[in-house]
């Protein structure tokens, strides 16, 4: 490893944490601003974002596998292969993003109908989803370029880009929601435009950084055709991860639909809780993402013992921060919820969930630490298989049973989530423990081929 400090867990994690914190703050302030339009507007944005997350699985297939391959190739000293992988990633996202943009634009109402959007929310959600969804090509390219930059070990640049994107988004939100600076009060339409403009600006900056991320830099031959060997490698790692992500997104969409069927107050409560509980989640996720980059780089460099220990370092570091932030939210969450709504019914539903969240978030951290590490060494089929089984048989099925059949409401939904995270966390922890001293990349490819196909 040529620069140990650059690839240390702390050096990788803190910019990701700040980047995700900024995204969280932007989402929170965004929700807060939109809530000043109405609770229905907040629900519309939350519901639409669930749809967008569910349809993003196609470019996640490319980006997740490509990021790991890039980290492994750089760890192995194969910069040319890393560059070619990056070029393949951008070209593939360009095509997939264009297709998804057209699909969401033309089928926005159908998608919202499938999500059982309440009658009061549907018109607002339709406006937001059709505008933001038709810009999915920008989001896909931005996600791809950011993933490429991070996996070169540069996690600071994406953080700085997010800072700029936040400023643009919040200023435009303020202008369009409140009619400031001479702009019209466009409500949810203005929020949609603000989202599109800020993401486009971020994409331009991200592409500029990406083209300078490799040493030596890109050459014309990197962009010609598709290197079959690299495509196969990205596919081998990426397709189980995309199925895993799709399973999570679709199961969450189904659960969101269950919440929507409980009424507007339950939907608003769930939306606000998703925003507030993002704080401990993003802390854990930033540590897990940094660990994945580090483990992938160590794996490519054949530093297998350090690779094995890195997952446990991420686990204990992440748990300390997650438990602390969850406890803070438990103590201050009632006040935070009051920033979003004064509706007594909404608060009555949401406040008790703050205590439940103290148990849920540490379980998520265990799952993230080991799942991301397993993915980084190419053991993506196992994580996909176990996650799919638990998400549907436990999270989704038990959400229906506890939340609707037994009438527990959102408390039942959270109970199912806790069971799901606990089961998945145990499975991936045992899997990582059994691997012990990791085998070489070639040996793991052979092992992967022996695993049961999904």
Foldseek 3Di string as FASTA:
>chain_A
DVDCVLLDLVNLQPLLLLLLVLVLVLVLVLLLLLCVVHLLLSLLVLLLVLLVLLLCLVLLLLQLLLLLVLLLCVLLVNQLLNLLSLLVSLVSLLVSQQVQLVVQLVCVLVSVVVLVADPSNRVLNSLLRNLLRNLSSLVSLLSSLQSSLSLLSPSNQSSVLSVQLSVQLVVQSCCQCVVPPVRHNPRSNSNSVSNSVSSNSSSVSSVVVSQVRGVVGDDPVSNPDHDVVSVVSSNLLRPLVSLLSSLQSVLVSLLLSVQVVVDSLSSSLVSLLVSLLSSLVSLLLSSLVSLLSSLSSCQSNVVQQVSLVSLVVSLVVSLVSSLVSLVVCLVCVLVSVVSSDPDPSSSVVNNVCSVLSSLLSNLQSLLSSLQSSCSSLSVSNVLSVLSSCLSVVQQNVQCCCQQPVVVPNVVSNSVSSSVSSNSSSVVSVVVSVVCNRPDHSVVVVVVSVPDDDD
